[in-house]
Amino acid sequence: MHPLSVLGGGCIFLRILLTNLYLLYILYIYRQNESVKGAADGTVYQ
């Protein structure tokens, strides 16, 4: 089976799951960066 056919609709659930994990990962990194910036500025990050 060709990988592109799987991404095209062979396993929609897996594709959605991977997308959600990717977005959560980006959000986590973003929050880490924000907290570091806040600490550098001397402000408390909520």
Protein backbone atom coordinates (compact mmCIF):
# COMPACT_ATOMS: atom_id res chain seq x y z
CA MET A 1 0.00 0.00 0.00
CA HIS A 2 1.31 3.41 -0.95
CA PRO A 3 1.76 5.86 1.97
CA LEU A 4 -0.04 8.64 0.09
CA SER A 5 -3.15 6.48 -0.28
CA VAL A 6 -3.23 6.07 3.51
CA LEU A 7 -2.96 9.84 3.98
CA GLY A 8 -5.59 10.35 1.30
CA GLY A 9 -8.29 8.61 3.30
CA GLY A 10 -7.20 5.06 4.12
CA CYS A 11 -7.13 5.88 7.82
CA ILE A 12 -8.82 9.21 8.57
CA PHE A 13 -8.77 8.63 12.33
CA LEU A 14 -5.00 8.12 12.43
CA ARG A 15 -4.48 11.22 10.33
CA ILE A 16 -6.63 13.32 12.67
CA LEU A 17 -4.85 11.87 15.70
CA LEU A 18 -1.43 12.70 14.28
CA THR A 19 -2.58 16.21 13.40
CA ASN A 20 -3.88 16.78 16.94
CA LEU A 21 -0.64 15.52 18.46
CA TYR A 22 1.34 17.81 16.16
CA LEU A 23 -0.76 20.84 17.16
CA LEU A 24 -0.47 19.99 20.86
CA TYR A 25 3.30 19.70 20.47
CA ILE A 26 3.48 23.15 18.83
CA LEU A 27 1.28 24.63 21.58
CA TYR A 28 3.50 23.07 24.26
CA ILE A 29 6.66 24.50 22.68
CA TYR A 30 4.95 27.89 22.31
CA ARG A 31 3.96 27.95 25.99
CA GLN A 32 7.50 26.95 27.01
CA ASN A 33 8.91 29.81 24.94
CA GLU A 34 6.38 32.27 26.40
CA SER A 35 7.23 31.28 29.98
CA VAL A 36 10.94 31.69 29.27
CA LYS A 37 10.31 35.12 27.76
CA GLY A 38 8.18 36.10 30.76
CA ALA A 39 10.90 35.05 33.18
CA ALA A 40 13.46 37.06 31.21
CA ASP A 41 11.22 40.13 31.32
CA GLY A 42 10.66 39.75 35.05
CA THR A 43 6.92 39.18 34.62
CA VAL A 44 4.89 36.22 35.81
CA TYR A 45 3.49 34.04 33.05
CA GLN A 46 -0.04 32.81 33.67
